[in-house]
Every structure is written in C-alpha cells, then in structure tokens.
N, C-alpha and C. Protein backbone atom coordinates (compact mmCIF):
# COMPACT_ATOMS: atom_id res chain seq x y z
N MET A 1 90.99 -64.16 8.18
CA MET A 1 90.78 -62.74 8.50
C MET A 1 90.60 -62.69 10.22
N VAL A 2 90.88 -63.80 10.84
CA VAL A 2 90.54 -63.90 12.28
C VAL A 2 91.91 -63.26 12.90
N PRO A 3 93.12 -63.52 12.42
CA PRO A 3 94.44 -62.88 12.68
C PRO A 3 94.28 -61.24 12.64
N PHE A 4 93.72 -60.70 11.52
CA PHE A 4 93.68 -59.25 11.62
C PHE A 4 92.64 -58.81 12.63
N ALA A 5 91.69 -59.44 12.76
CA ALA A 5 90.61 -58.97 13.81
C ALA A 5 91.34 -59.18 14.99
N LEU A 6 92.07 -60.25 15.55
CA LEU A 6 92.73 -60.58 16.71
C LEU A 6 93.54 -59.28 16.88
N ALA A 7 94.45 -58.68 16.01
CA ALA A 7 95.41 -57.97 16.01
C ALA A 7 94.71 -56.45 16.16
N GLY A 8 93.77 -56.09 15.48
CA GLY A 8 93.00 -55.07 15.73
C GLY A 8 92.51 -54.62 17.15
N THR A 9 91.71 -55.82 17.59
CA THR A 9 91.51 -55.94 18.93
C THR A 9 92.52 -55.71 19.95
N ALA A 10 93.71 -56.24 19.85
CA ALA A 10 94.74 -56.14 20.75
C ALA A 10 95.21 -54.70 20.57
N ALA A 11 95.40 -54.25 19.35
CA ALA A 11 95.75 -52.80 19.40
C ALA A 11 94.90 -51.62 20.11
N PHE A 12 93.60 -51.88 19.79
CA PHE A 12 92.71 -50.99 20.92
C PHE A 12 92.75 -51.38 22.20
N ALA A 13 93.25 -52.64 22.64
CA ALA A 13 93.38 -53.08 23.88
C ALA A 13 94.74 -52.14 24.57
N VAL A 14 95.82 -52.28 23.94
CA VAL A 14 96.87 -51.44 24.10
C VAL A 14 96.80 -50.17 24.16
N ALA A 15 96.11 -49.36 23.17
CA ALA A 15 95.65 -47.87 23.19
C ALA A 15 94.91 -47.76 24.32
N LEU A 16 93.91 -48.54 24.79
CA LEU A 16 93.23 -47.95 25.87
C LEU A 16 94.35 -48.07 27.06
N LEU A 17 94.97 -48.90 27.13
CA LEU A 17 95.80 -48.94 28.54
C LEU A 17 96.77 -47.82 28.24
N LEU A 18 97.52 -47.57 27.22
CA LEU A 18 98.25 -46.27 26.91
C LEU A 18 97.59 -44.95 27.25
N THR A 19 96.52 -44.73 26.82
CA THR A 19 95.81 -43.42 26.70
C THR A 19 95.28 -43.57 28.39
N TRP A 20 94.88 -44.56 28.88
CA TRP A 20 94.44 -44.29 30.23
C TRP A 20 95.51 -44.23 31.28
N LEU A 21 96.64 -44.73 31.13
CA LEU A 21 97.85 -44.71 32.16
C LEU A 21 98.45 -43.30 31.80
N ALA A 22 98.26 -42.73 30.34
CA ALA A 22 99.05 -41.38 30.13
C ALA A 22 98.19 -40.43 30.42
N GLY A 23 96.86 -40.48 30.93
CA GLY A 23 95.95 -39.53 31.26
C GLY A 23 95.70 -38.51 30.28
N ALA A 24 95.35 -39.26 29.09
CA ALA A 24 95.10 -38.90 27.85
C ALA A 24 93.72 -38.03 27.85
N PRO A 25 93.55 -37.25 27.06
CA PRO A 25 91.94 -36.73 27.11
C PRO A 25 90.77 -37.84 26.77
N ASP A 26 89.86 -37.31 27.69
CA ASP A 26 88.66 -38.58 27.84
C ASP A 26 88.20 -39.06 26.27
N HIS A 27 88.22 -38.30 25.40
CA HIS A 27 87.55 -38.87 24.17
C HIS A 27 88.66 -40.00 23.60
N TRP A 28 90.00 -39.85 23.78
CA TRP A 28 91.05 -40.83 23.36
C TRP A 28 90.43 -42.26 24.13
N VAL A 29 90.59 -41.96 25.44
CA VAL A 29 90.13 -43.09 26.08
C VAL A 29 88.92 -43.89 25.61
N GLU A 30 87.72 -43.08 25.54
CA GLU A 30 86.47 -43.41 25.10
C GLU A 30 86.69 -44.46 23.75
N ILE A 31 87.45 -43.62 22.83
CA ILE A 31 87.42 -44.18 21.63
C ILE A 31 88.20 -45.67 21.56
N SER A 32 89.25 -45.43 22.25
CA SER A 32 90.06 -46.84 22.54
C SER A 32 88.97 -47.89 23.12
N LEU A 33 88.44 -47.53 24.09
CA LEU A 33 87.32 -48.60 24.57
C LEU A 33 86.28 -48.92 23.89
N ALA A 34 85.75 -48.16 22.83
CA ALA A 34 84.69 -48.63 21.87
C ALA A 34 85.44 -49.42 20.79
N GLY A 35 86.69 -48.95 20.54
CA GLY A 35 87.34 -50.32 19.52
C GLY A 35 87.40 -51.47 20.00
N LEU A 36 87.96 -51.43 21.42
CA LEU A 36 87.94 -52.69 22.09
C LEU A 36 86.58 -53.55 22.24
N ILE A 37 85.68 -52.84 22.66
CA ILE A 37 83.94 -53.26 22.81
C ILE A 37 83.36 -53.72 21.28
N TRP A 38 84.14 -53.05 20.43
CA TRP A 38 83.49 -53.67 19.31
C TRP A 38 84.31 -54.58 18.72
N GLY A 39 85.54 -54.73 19.00
CA GLY A 39 86.42 -55.82 18.22
C GLY A 39 86.17 -57.07 18.98
N ILE A 40 85.58 -57.57 20.22
CA ILE A 40 85.58 -58.53 20.80
C ILE A 40 84.43 -59.33 19.85
N PRO A 41 82.91 -58.88 19.63
CA PRO A 41 82.18 -59.53 18.95
C PRO A 41 82.47 -59.75 17.62
N GLY A 42 83.11 -58.74 17.11
CA GLY A 42 83.80 -59.02 15.34
C GLY A 42 84.76 -59.99 15.53
N THR A 43 85.51 -60.37 16.29
CA THR A 43 86.63 -61.26 16.38
C THR A 43 85.91 -62.82 16.67
N LEU A 44 84.93 -62.52 17.61
CA LEU A 44 84.20 -63.93 17.60
C LEU A 44 83.42 -64.26 16.54
N THR A 45 82.62 -63.31 15.88
CA THR A 45 81.66 -63.45 14.57
C THR A 45 82.88 -64.04 13.23
N MET A 46 84.04 -63.53 13.50
CA MET A 46 84.87 -64.06 12.34
C MET A 46 85.32 -65.54 12.53
N VAL A 47 85.45 -65.93 13.80
CA VAL A 47 85.95 -67.35 14.29
C VAL A 47 84.68 -68.24 13.81
N VAL A 48 83.54 -67.82 14.02
CA VAL A 48 82.52 -68.81 13.52
C VAL A 48 82.37 -68.79 12.05
N HIS A 49 82.47 -67.70 11.41
CA HIS A 49 82.33 -67.74 10.28
C HIS A 49 83.50 -68.71 9.45
N ASP A 50 84.69 -68.62 9.93
CA ASP A 50 85.59 -69.26 9.21
C ASP A 50 85.61 -70.99 9.72
N ARG A 51 85.05 -71.08 10.93
CA ARG A 51 84.53 -72.76 11.46
C ARG A 51 83.67 -73.10 10.23
N ASN A 52 82.39 -72.16 9.88
CA ASN A 52 81.37 -72.49 9.12
C ASN A 52 81.71 -73.00 7.63
N ARG A 53 82.69 -71.99 7.23
CA ARG A 53 83.34 -72.09 5.96
C ARG A 53 83.84 -73.31 5.75
N LYS A 54 84.72 -73.44 6.69
CA LYS A 54 85.58 -74.88 6.55
C LYS A 54 84.72 -75.87 6.58
N ARG A 55 83.62 -75.94 7.22
CA ARG A 55 82.79 -77.22 7.34
C ARG A 55 81.93 -77.07 6.26
N ARG A 56 81.53 -75.80 5.38
CA ARG A 56 80.85 -76.09 4.19
C ARG A 56 81.81 -76.38 3.05
N ARG A 57 83.22 -76.10 3.18
CA ARG A 57 84.11 -76.43 2.14
C ARG A 57 84.45 -78.07 2.00
N THR A 58 84.36 -78.55 3.17
CA THR A 58 84.61 -79.90 3.25
C THR A 58 83.33 -80.73 2.87
N LEU A 59 82.16 -80.03 3.07
CA LEU A 59 81.10 -80.96 2.38
C LEU A 59 80.76 -80.86 0.86
N THR A 60 81.24 -79.66 0.36
CA THR A 60 80.98 -79.63 -1.26
C THR A 60 82.39 -80.14 -1.87
N HIS A 61 83.74 -80.11 -1.21
CA HIS A 61 84.86 -80.74 -1.85
C HIS A 61 85.49 -81.59 -0.88
N PRO A 62 85.10 -82.70 -0.87
CA PRO A 62 85.78 -83.55 0.09
C PRO A 62 87.39 -83.92 0.20
N GLU A 63 88.08 -83.46 -1.16
CA GLU A 63 89.35 -83.69 -1.47
C GLU A 63 90.17 -82.41 -0.67
N PHE A 64 89.52 -81.52 -0.29
CA PHE A 64 89.89 -80.31 0.26
C PHE A 64 90.20 -80.73 1.94
N ARG A 65 91.37 -80.14 2.04
CA ARG A 65 92.10 -80.38 3.68
C ARG A 65 92.42 -79.41 4.12
N VAL A 66 92.15 -78.69 5.17
CA VAL A 66 93.05 -77.50 6.04
C VAL A 66 94.05 -77.85 6.89
N THR A 67 95.48 -77.64 6.50
CA THR A 67 96.20 -78.10 7.71
C THR A 67 96.63 -76.93 8.65
N ASP A 68 96.89 -77.00 9.70
CA ASP A 68 96.91 -76.16 10.40
C ASP A 68 98.51 -75.63 10.50
C-alpha cells in the first residue's frame, strides 16, 4: 500500500503546483493543499504499519522471508 500512498501524495503535490502556477480558483489550490497535507501522515502511517506487519509475520512464521 505504500507505493499507492506515495503516488497519491505525489499526485496532490503536482496538482498543487499546477493549480498554483496556473492561477486556478482558490478552492482548487486549497483542495490540492489539503490532499498533500493529509497524504504525508497517511503515507508515514502506512510505512510504520508495513514495518510492524513484516516484524509480526517474521515472529509468527520464521520461514517467511521478504525480499526487496
């Protein structure tokens, strides 16, 4: 899920940049900014969750190995 969260956060960052540079109406800039602001802690939450899930899986299933 982390790649999806990163992609969504990056999409909002690009949207913010484009709407700001294009001089779009304020509500579009605010929506893009809100998506970026909410995306950052959401992405960090998913990173921590995946790390903990990998640790729990290793404890319960020692034969399980995650390869990058």
